[in-house]
Protein backbone atom coordinates (compact mmCIF):
# COMPACT_ATOMS: atom_id res chain seq x y z
CA UNK A 1 -8.57 1.57 -30.64
CA UNK A 2 -11.65 -0.34 -29.57
CA UNK A 3 -11.09 -3.09 -32.11
CA UNK A 4 -7.51 -3.44 -30.84
CA UNK A 5 -8.83 -3.72 -27.36
CA UNK A 6 -11.19 -6.58 -28.40
CA UNK A 7 -8.29 -8.44 -30.23
CA UNK A 8 -6.15 -7.90 -27.17
CA UNK A 9 -8.72 -9.88 -25.15
CA UNK A 10 -9.76 -12.57 -27.54
CA UNK A 11 -6.39 -13.40 -28.99
CA UNK A 12 -4.86 -14.67 -25.70
CA UNK A 13 -7.79 -16.93 -25.26
CA UNK A 14 -7.28 -18.39 -28.76
CA UNK A 15 -3.51 -18.82 -28.21
CA UNK A 16 -3.86 -20.32 -24.69
CA UNK A 17 -6.50 -22.74 -26.17
CA UNK A 18 -3.98 -23.80 -28.82
CA UNK A 19 -1.08 -24.06 -26.45
CA UNK A 20 -3.20 -26.27 -24.26
CA UNK A 21 -4.28 -28.54 -27.04
CA UNK A 22 -0.69 -29.02 -27.97
CA UNK A 23 0.55 -29.52 -24.43
CA UNK A 24 -1.99 -32.20 -23.49
CA UNK A 25 -0.78 -35.22 -25.63
CA UNK A 26 2.68 -35.06 -23.80
CA UNK A 27 1.24 -34.33 -20.47
CA UNK A 28 -1.43 -37.12 -20.81
CA UNK A 29 1.17 -39.62 -21.99
CA UNK A 30 3.40 -38.75 -18.83
CA UNK A 31 0.39 -39.10 -16.46
CA UNK A 32 -0.59 -42.43 -17.72
CA UNK A 33 3.07 -43.78 -17.93
CA UNK A 34 3.71 -42.66 -14.40
CA UNK A 35 0.26 -43.91 -13.10
CA UNK A 36 -0.62 -40.57 -11.64
CA UNK A 37 -4.00 -41.47 -10.31
CA UNK A 38 -5.41 -41.79 -6.94
CA UNK A 39 -4.27 -44.99 -5.21
CA UNK A 40 -6.45 -44.91 -2.17
CA UNK A 41 -9.92 -43.63 -1.49
CA UNK A 42 -11.75 -42.51 1.71
CA UNK A 43 -14.25 -45.28 2.65
CA UNK A 44 -15.79 -43.28 5.48
CA UNK A 45 -17.75 -40.12 5.66
CA UNK A 46 -16.78 -37.30 8.05
CA UNK A 47 -18.80 -38.84 10.79
CA UNK A 48 -16.80 -41.92 10.71
CA UNK A 49 -19.59 -44.16 9.05
CA UNK A 50 -19.18 -46.01 5.85
CA UNK A 51 -19.74 -43.87 2.79
CA UNK A 52 -21.59 -46.42 0.78
CA UNK A 53 -23.26 -44.02 -1.63
CA UNK A 54 -20.22 -41.97 -2.18
CA UNK A 55 -18.29 -45.23 -2.94
CA UNK A 56 -20.75 -46.21 -5.72
CA UNK A 57 -20.34 -42.80 -7.20
CA UNK A 58 -16.61 -42.34 -7.06
CA UNK A 59 -14.86 -45.17 -9.02
CA UNK A 60 -11.79 -43.28 -9.90
CA UNK A 61 -9.49 -46.16 -8.92
CA UNK A 62 -11.26 -48.68 -11.22
CA UNK A 63 -11.11 -46.10 -14.15
CA UNK A 64 -7.46 -45.37 -13.50
CA UNK A 65 -7.90 -41.67 -14.50
CA UNK A 66 -4.80 -39.46 -13.76
CA UNK A 67 -5.04 -36.38 -11.58
CA UNK A 68 -3.04 -33.05 -12.37
CA UNK A 69 -5.00 -32.26 -15.50
CA UNK A 70 -5.23 -28.65 -14.15
CA UNK A 71 -1.70 -28.29 -15.29
CA UNK A 72 -3.11 -27.78 -18.91
CA UNK A 73 -5.00 -24.68 -17.56
CA UNK A 74 -2.40 -22.81 -15.74
CA UNK A 75 0.50 -23.72 -17.78
CA UNK A 76 -1.15 -22.75 -21.11
CA UNK A 77 -2.35 -19.44 -19.59
CA UNK A 78 1.15 -18.71 -18.20
CA UNK A 79 2.84 -19.62 -21.51
CA UNK A 80 0.61 -17.38 -23.22
CA UNK A 81 1.40 -14.45 -20.97
CA UNK A 82 5.02 -14.98 -21.20
CA UNK A 83 4.85 -15.44 -24.98
CA UNK A 84 3.03 -12.05 -25.45
CA UNK A 85 5.34 -10.30 -23.12
CA UNK A 86 8.47 -11.60 -24.95
CA UNK A 87 7.03 -10.53 -28.41
CA UNK A 88 6.46 -7.04 -26.86
CA UNK A 89 9.97 -6.94 -25.65
CA UNK A 90 11.62 -8.07 -28.96
CA UNK A 91 9.29 -5.95 -31.16
CA UNK A 92 8.91 -2.67 -29.40
CA UNK A 93 6.72 -0.11 -31.09
CA UNK A 94 4.75 -2.71 -33.14
CA UNK A 95 1.38 -4.12 -32.60
CA UNK A 96 2.93 -6.99 -30.80
CA UNK A 97 3.93 -4.61 -27.94
CA UNK A 98 0.38 -3.34 -27.69
CA UNK A 99 -0.90 -6.93 -27.39
CA UNK A 100 1.28 -7.59 -24.24
CA UNK A 101 -1.13 -7.83 -21.28
CA UNK A 102 1.55 -8.56 -18.57
CA UNK A 103 1.45 -5.35 -16.45
CA UNK A 104 2.34 -4.55 -12.74
CA UNK A 105 -0.95 -2.88 -11.91
CA UNK A 106 -3.30 -5.36 -13.38
CA UNK A 107 -1.85 -8.89 -13.97
CA UNK A 108 1.15 -9.37 -11.66
CA UNK A 109 -0.87 -10.37 -8.62
CA UNK A 110 -3.26 -12.74 -10.41
CA UNK A 111 -0.36 -14.38 -12.43
CA UNK A 112 1.45 -14.82 -9.09
CA UNK A 113 -1.56 -16.42 -7.25
CA UNK A 114 -2.25 -18.68 -10.27
CA UNK A 115 1.20 -19.98 -10.33
CA UNK A 116 1.69 -20.17 -6.53
CA UNK A 117 -1.66 -21.90 -5.85
CA UNK A 118 -1.19 -24.28 -8.76
CA UNK A 119 2.30 -25.32 -7.80
CA UNK A 120 1.30 -26.04 -4.15
CA UNK A 121 -1.77 -27.92 -5.61
CA UNK A 122 0.56 -29.93 -7.87
CA UNK A 123 2.55 -31.00 -4.76
CA UNK A 124 -0.68 -32.12 -3.08
CA UNK A 125 -1.69 -34.12 -6.16
CA UNK A 126 1.68 -35.73 -6.54
CA UNK A 127 1.62 -37.02 -2.88
CA UNK A 128 -2.06 -38.18 -3.35
CA UNK A 129 -1.03 -40.22 -6.43
CA UNK A 130 1.80 -41.81 -4.42
CA UNK A 131 -0.47 -42.49 -1.35
CA UNK A 132 1.85 -40.38 0.75
CA UNK A 133 1.45 -37.18 2.85
CA UNK A 134 -0.86 -36.23 5.78
CA UNK A 135 -4.24 -37.23 4.50
CA UNK A 136 -5.50 -40.79 4.98
CA UNK A 137 -5.88 -41.18 1.15
CA UNK A 138 -2.62 -39.31 0.49
CA UNK A 139 -1.78 -35.66 -0.12
CA UNK A 140 -1.57 -32.66 2.16
CA UNK A 141 -3.98 -32.38 5.02
CA UNK A 142 -6.80 -29.90 4.93
CA UNK A 143 -5.11 -27.92 7.57
CA UNK A 144 -1.85 -27.59 5.39
CA UNK A 145 -3.80 -26.73 2.28
CA UNK A 146 -5.80 -23.91 4.05
CA UNK A 147 -2.48 -22.67 5.55
CA UNK A 148 -1.24 -22.53 2.08
CA UNK A 149 -4.26 -20.85 0.69
CA UNK A 150 -4.32 -18.40 3.51
CA UNK A 151 -0.66 -17.47 3.09
CA UNK A 152 -1.10 -16.59 -0.62
CA UNK A 153 -4.23 -14.81 0.23
CA UNK A 154 -2.52 -12.82 2.94
CA UNK A 155 0.32 -11.75 0.66
CA UNK A 156 -2.02 -10.70 -1.92
CA UNK A 157 -4.20 -8.73 0.45
CA UNK A 158 -1.15 -7.01 1.85
CA UNK A 159 -0.02 -6.06 -1.68
CA UNK A 160 -3.48 -4.55 -2.27
CA UNK A 161 -3.48 -2.68 0.95
CA UNK A 162 0.04 -1.32 1.13
CA UNK A 163 1.35 -1.30 -2.47
CA UNK A 164 -1.89 -0.37 -4.34
CA UNK A 165 -3.41 1.63 -1.51
CA UNK A 166 -6.83 -0.34 -1.68
CA UNK A 167 -8.65 -0.54 1.61
CA UNK A 168 -12.26 0.03 0.46
CA UNK A 169 -15.07 -2.08 -1.22
CA UNK A 170 -17.94 -0.86 -3.36
CA UNK A 171 -21.29 -0.94 -2.02
CA UNK A 172 -24.23 -0.60 -4.49
CA UNK A 173 -26.08 2.85 -4.38
CA UNK A 174 -23.29 4.09 -2.02
CA UNK A 175 -20.01 3.74 -3.73
CA UNK A 176 -16.66 3.04 -2.30
CA UNK A 177 -16.59 2.43 1.48
CA UNK A 178 -13.35 2.53 3.47
CA UNK A 179 -13.04 -0.51 5.80
CA UNK A 180 -9.46 0.01 6.82
CA UNK A 181 -7.48 -3.04 7.89
CA UNK A 182 -10.71 -5.10 7.89
CA UNK A 183 -10.03 -5.23 4.05
CA UNK A 184 -7.21 -7.67 4.69
CA UNK A 185 -9.60 -9.92 6.94
CA UNK A 186 -12.39 -9.80 4.34
CA UNK A 187 -9.88 -10.86 1.58
CA UNK A 188 -9.01 -13.76 3.55
CA UNK A 189 -12.62 -14.81 4.19
CA UNK A 190 -13.59 -14.49 0.63
CA UNK A 191 -10.62 -16.51 -0.57
CA UNK A 192 -11.38 -19.43 1.93
CA UNK A 193 -15.07 -19.32 0.89
CA UNK A 194 -14.19 -19.44 -2.85
CA UNK A 195 -11.58 -22.14 -2.40
CA UNK A 196 -14.13 -24.27 -0.51
CA UNK A 197 -16.18 -24.37 -3.73
CA UNK A 198 -13.40 -26.43 -5.28
CA UNK A 199 -15.40 -29.45 -4.18
CA UNK A 200 -17.39 -28.89 -7.40
CA UNK A 201 -14.53 -30.73 -9.13
CA UNK A 202 -16.24 -34.14 -8.91
CA UNK A 203 -17.82 -35.04 -12.22
CA UNK A 204 -16.36 -35.16 -15.70
CA UNK A 205 -16.45 -31.82 -17.30
CA UNK A 206 -18.26 -30.03 -14.38
CA UNK A 207 -15.58 -27.80 -12.92
CA UNK A 208 -14.03 -26.95 -16.36
CA UNK A 209 -17.31 -25.46 -17.70
CA UNK A 210 -18.18 -23.60 -14.48
CA UNK A 211 -14.88 -21.93 -14.21
CA UNK A 212 -14.90 -21.04 -17.82
CA UNK A 213 -18.25 -19.19 -17.39
CA UNK A 214 -17.02 -17.47 -14.29
CA UNK A 215 -13.72 -16.13 -15.77
CA UNK A 216 -15.48 -15.17 -19.01
CA UNK A 217 -17.79 -12.98 -16.95
CA UNK A 218 -14.89 -11.26 -15.21
CA UNK A 219 -13.11 -10.81 -18.50
CA UNK A 220 -16.12 -8.94 -19.56
CA UNK A 221 -16.31 -6.78 -16.53
CA UNK A 222 -12.68 -5.95 -16.51
CA UNK A 223 -12.97 -5.03 -20.29
CA UNK A 224 -15.80 -2.61 -19.77
CA UNK A 225 -13.99 -1.06 -16.87
CA UNK A 226 -10.99 -0.41 -19.15
CA UNK A 227 -8.85 -3.00 -17.30
CA UNK A 228 -7.95 -4.48 -20.72
CA UNK A 229 -4.88 -6.21 -19.43
CA UNK A 230 -6.74 -8.00 -16.74
CA UNK A 231 -9.50 -8.95 -19.19
CA UNK A 232 -6.90 -10.48 -21.53
CA UNK A 233 -5.50 -12.44 -18.60
CA UNK A 234 -8.88 -13.77 -17.64
CA UNK A 235 -9.61 -14.71 -21.30
CA UNK A 236 -6.16 -16.59 -21.39
CA UNK A 237 -7.37 -18.66 -18.38
CA UNK A 238 -10.56 -19.28 -20.39
CA UNK A 239 -8.60 -20.46 -23.19
CA UNK A 240 -6.64 -22.85 -20.99
CA UNK A 241 -9.94 -24.07 -19.40
CA UNK A 242 -11.49 -24.89 -22.88
CA UNK A 243 -8.27 -26.83 -23.80
CA UNK A 244 -8.64 -28.81 -20.50
CA UNK A 245 -12.36 -29.23 -21.01
CA UNK A 246 -11.82 -30.63 -24.55
CA UNK A 247 -10.14 -33.70 -22.89
CA UNK A 248 -12.18 -33.68 -19.70
CA UNK A 249 -15.61 -34.24 -21.12
CA UNK A 250 -16.92 -37.75 -20.49
CA UNK A 251 -15.09 -40.02 -20.36
CA UNK A 252 -12.31 -37.80 -18.90
CA UNK A 253 -8.85 -38.25 -19.86
CA UNK A 254 -7.68 -36.69 -16.61
CA UNK A 255 -9.14 -34.69 -13.68
CA UNK A 256 -8.49 -31.10 -12.75
CA UNK A 257 -7.73 -31.91 -9.19
CA UNK A 258 -6.00 -29.58 -6.67
CA UNK A 259 -3.32 -28.16 -9.01
CA UNK A 260 -6.20 -26.47 -10.91
CA UNK A 261 -8.59 -25.91 -8.12
CA UNK A 262 -6.23 -24.04 -5.84
CA UNK A 263 -4.76 -21.75 -8.44
CA UNK A 264 -8.13 -20.89 -10.03
CA UNK A 265 -9.97 -20.22 -6.81
CA UNK A 266 -7.37 -18.02 -5.33
CA UNK A 267 -6.89 -16.13 -8.56
CA UNK A 268 -10.80 -15.66 -8.82
CA UNK A 269 -10.72 -13.89 -5.62
CA UNK A 270 -7.91 -11.61 -6.60
CA UNK A 271 -9.76 -10.79 -9.87
CA UNK A 272 -12.92 -10.01 -8.02
CA UNK A 273 -11.15 -7.52 -5.77
CA UNK A 274 -9.20 -6.02 -8.72
CA UNK A 275 -12.52 -5.37 -10.55
CA UNK A 276 -13.98 -3.71 -7.50
CA UNK A 277 -12.92 -0.17 -6.20
CA UNK A 278 -9.40 -0.57 -7.90
CA UNK A 279 -11.12 -0.79 -11.23
CA UNK A 280 -13.98 1.70 -10.15
CA UNK A 281 -16.49 -1.23 -10.48
CA UNK A 282 -18.56 -3.80 -8.56
CA UNK A 283 -16.61 -6.85 -9.00
CA UNK A 284 -16.72 -8.01 -5.49
CA UNK A 285 -20.41 -7.60 -4.81
CA UNK A 286 -21.38 -9.73 -7.82
CA UNK A 287 -18.90 -12.55 -6.99
CA UNK A 288 -21.45 -14.62 -4.96
CA UNK A 289 -23.69 -14.43 -8.06
CA UNK A 290 -21.08 -15.19 -10.76
CA UNK A 291 -19.51 -18.00 -8.60
CA UNK A 292 -22.89 -19.20 -7.28
CA UNK A 293 -22.35 -22.86 -8.44
CA UNK A 294 -19.17 -22.95 -6.32
CA UNK A 295 -20.90 -21.60 -3.27
CA UNK A 296 -23.88 -24.00 -3.79
CA UNK A 297 -21.45 -26.94 -3.83
CA UNK A 298 -19.59 -25.98 -0.66
CA UNK A 299 -22.67 -24.85 1.04
CA UNK A 300 -24.44 -28.10 0.47
CA UNK A 301 -21.43 -29.95 2.06
CA UNK A 302 -21.47 -27.63 5.08
CA UNK A 303 -25.25 -28.10 5.54
CA UNK A 304 -24.87 -31.89 5.30
CA UNK A 305 -22.17 -31.83 7.98
CA UNK A 306 -24.09 -29.59 10.33
CA UNK A 307 -27.32 -31.63 9.81
CA UNK A 308 -25.63 -34.89 10.54
CA UNK A 309 -23.96 -33.53 13.63
CA UNK A 310 -26.88 -31.64 15.23
CA UNK A 311 -29.97 -33.42 13.83
CA UNK A 312 -28.35 -37.02 13.42
CA UNK A 313 -29.66 -37.34 9.81
CA UNK A 314 -28.70 -36.19 6.31
CA UNK A 315 -30.41 -33.68 4.16
CA UNK A 316 -28.83 -34.85 0.82
CA UNK A 317 -28.22 -38.47 -0.12
CA UNK A 318 -24.64 -37.39 -0.54
CA UNK A 319 -22.81 -34.12 -0.63
CA UNK A 320 -21.78 -32.08 -2.48
CA UNK A 321 -25.18 -31.43 -4.16
CA UNK A 322 -24.00 -32.53 -7.61
CA UNK A 323 -23.44 -36.07 -6.18
CA UNK A 324 -26.85 -35.94 -4.71
CA UNK A 325 -28.31 -35.66 -8.23
CA UNK A 326 -26.16 -38.54 -9.34
CA UNK A 327 -27.44 -40.70 -6.42
CA UNK A 328 -31.06 -39.82 -7.43
CA UNK A 329 -30.12 -41.52 -10.87
CA UNK A 330 -29.26 -38.57 -12.94
CA UNK A 331 -26.37 -39.53 -15.30
CA UNK A 332 -23.14 -37.53 -14.73
CA UNK A 333 -23.45 -35.79 -18.16
CA UNK A 334 -26.87 -34.53 -17.38
CA UNK A 335 -25.80 -33.14 -14.08
CA UNK A 336 -22.78 -31.52 -15.60
CA UNK A 337 -24.65 -29.96 -18.61
CA UNK A 338 -27.39 -28.49 -16.23
CA UNK A 339 -24.89 -27.02 -13.97
CA UNK A 340 -23.17 -25.49 -16.96
CA UNK A 341 -26.54 -23.90 -17.87
CA UNK A 342 -26.95 -22.53 -14.39
CA UNK A 343 -23.34 -21.37 -14.39
CA UNK A 344 -23.69 -19.40 -17.52
CA UNK A 345 -26.99 -17.88 -16.59
CA UNK A 346 -25.57 -16.59 -13.20
CA UNK A 347 -22.30 -15.52 -14.88
CA UNK A 348 -24.30 -13.42 -17.34
CA UNK A 349 -26.67 -12.04 -14.43
CA UNK A 350 -23.58 -10.99 -12.46
CA UNK A 351 -21.89 -9.33 -15.50
CA UNK A 352 -25.08 -7.39 -16.28
CA UNK A 353 -25.42 -6.24 -12.58
CA UNK A 354 -21.81 -5.42 -12.44
CA UNK A 355 -22.05 -3.23 -15.51
CA UNK A 356 -25.37 -1.72 -14.55
CA UNK A 357 -24.10 -0.57 -11.15
């Protein structure tokens, strides 16, 4: 049975990777044919001054690199989930049925958030490539994107609270602590915090490698908590991420953009809560460790904004922090690979702490 569980986790990752590799040529051809790249860039920083350093780093327009690469991730993971479900339906009683990882209690919510967030992100990307929408450079305004993220998060939190009867979080050395309706508020706060880490999608290959490490860690946590279906789902996302990363390493064929970031970050929050009291584990408390690169990226941007507003000067040459290193003269590939190393280390640390707790 243990070997079947391992196969059930690793096989979806392999299938999702293969699906993603085969999807990409058609998607790439479509994106380039329809010129799905950013038409306008923001030339000023949040304080209204010219963003000269940022302009020198961001040259997406000259490269003509399409957005919407995140489609490879969520579509390959979703196709894999549907494929395994269909095989289980058509071949009941066989090993194929046992490999089906789509289940109401473990994968319905993360699959919903992955699709819902990714589709809304896709709308934002489309508007951005057409130079339309509420934002100065095209796309949905930050307010509308935050509203969409909050709406999906709220729906998920309510499902946890009322359908799954989850209203507690695990505290190390103490166990589950009932926080009543504050669970819903906490769910929203964590979602927004993780979503803000999406600013890490700024250098070729960076976000793909970081998210692959994060979801791999949660696949391990879920597996050792006997949430095998959830582990298989996380593994399918990793497979999609690796397929995306194959084409996103420098020079990138396309960027992940909002259709990847929104779905992945909301789903990551859901997975963290599912591996907490619901799975009898510590999935939430280790989230800041496993997802540390995301929090560092968004935190550096917040620190930069506050410093410029209250101190009148910058702390970093440019934010988020990965662009600061670029501004210092580091090649993009060096920043990416060092962030990958940091991401893997903290993903492993979080995995160890979750299992030890």
